[in-house]
């Protein structure tokens, strides 16, 4: 089932349709990075993007390390 997640950036509201399970996860994540009920500027959006990209980078490094360890077993 679909659910809407909304975020306001530079005074423009964006509604995103996602699956209900992902909507709960996304909303929780967005509450950490944005003002869910208020306006967010582009600088805040860029900062959130960089934080999430760094987290993904760290996860990929960790996965690569684990794969290398598994291959040596």
Protein backbone atom coordinates (compact mmCIF):
# COMPACT_ATOMS: atom_id res chain seq x y z
CA UNK A 1 0.00 0.00 0.00
CA UNK A 2 1.23 3.50 -0.82
CA UNK A 3 1.79 6.31 1.66
CA UNK A 4 2.72 9.97 1.23
CA UNK A 5 5.75 11.57 2.82
CA UNK A 6 5.96 15.36 2.62
CA UNK A 7 8.82 17.80 2.97
CA UNK A 8 8.98 21.55 2.39
CA UNK A 9 12.12 22.91 0.74
CA UNK A 10 12.51 26.61 -0.07
CA UNK A 11 8.82 27.18 0.69
CA UNK A 12 7.70 24.50 -1.79
CA UNK A 13 6.02 21.36 -0.51
CA UNK A 14 7.03 18.03 -2.02
CA UNK A 15 4.82 14.98 -1.58
CA UNK A 16 6.50 11.64 -2.24
CA UNK A 17 4.53 8.42 -2.74
CA UNK A 18 6.33 5.40 -1.28
CA UNK A 19 5.42 2.01 0.12
CA UNK A 20 3.98 2.13 3.63
CA UNK A 21 6.86 0.21 5.26
CA UNK A 22 9.43 2.49 3.68
CA UNK A 23 7.35 5.58 4.55
CA UNK A 24 7.72 4.86 8.28
CA UNK A 25 11.48 4.40 7.91
CA UNK A 26 11.86 7.46 5.67
CA UNK A 27 9.84 9.67 7.99
CA UNK A 28 11.99 8.66 10.97
CA UNK A 29 15.16 9.38 8.99
CA UNK A 30 13.86 12.71 7.71
CA UNK A 31 13.02 13.80 11.26
CA UNK A 32 16.74 13.50 12.05
CA UNK A 33 17.77 15.68 9.11
CA UNK A 34 14.94 18.15 8.50
CA UNK A 35 12.21 20.21 10.06
CA UNK A 36 9.29 18.01 9.08
CA UNK A 37 6.63 20.61 9.91
CA UNK A 38 8.58 23.68 8.76
CA UNK A 39 10.55 25.00 5.84
CA UNK A 40 14.01 23.73 4.97
CA UNK A 41 16.57 25.61 2.93
CA UNK A 42 18.82 24.16 0.25
CA UNK A 43 21.87 24.23 2.52
CA UNK A 44 20.14 21.88 4.96
CA UNK A 45 19.19 19.58 2.09
CA UNK A 46 22.79 19.48 0.86
CA UNK A 47 24.09 18.77 4.38
CA UNK A 48 21.66 15.87 4.76
CA UNK A 49 22.69 14.49 1.37
CA UNK A 50 26.38 14.61 2.29
CA UNK A 51 25.71 12.90 5.65
CA UNK A 52 23.73 10.08 4.01
CA UNK A 53 26.34 9.70 1.26
CA UNK A 54 29.09 9.40 3.87
CA UNK A 55 27.08 6.78 5.76
CA UNK A 56 26.66 4.81 2.52
CA UNK A 57 30.40 5.13 1.82
CA UNK A 58 31.20 3.75 5.27
CA UNK A 59 28.75 0.86 4.82
CA UNK A 60 30.26 -0.06 1.45
CA UNK A 61 33.77 -0.05 2.94
CA UNK A 62 32.57 -2.31 5.75
CA UNK A 63 30.86 -4.70 3.32
CA UNK A 64 34.03 -4.89 1.21
CA UNK A 65 36.10 -5.69 4.30
CA UNK A 66 33.65 -8.41 5.35
CA UNK A 67 33.64 -9.92 1.86
CA UNK A 68 37.43 -10.02 1.83
CA UNK A 69 37.42 -11.79 5.20
CA UNK A 70 34.86 -14.32 3.98
CA UNK A 71 36.91 -15.08 0.87
CA UNK A 72 39.94 -15.96 2.98
CA UNK A 73 38.04 -18.52 5.03
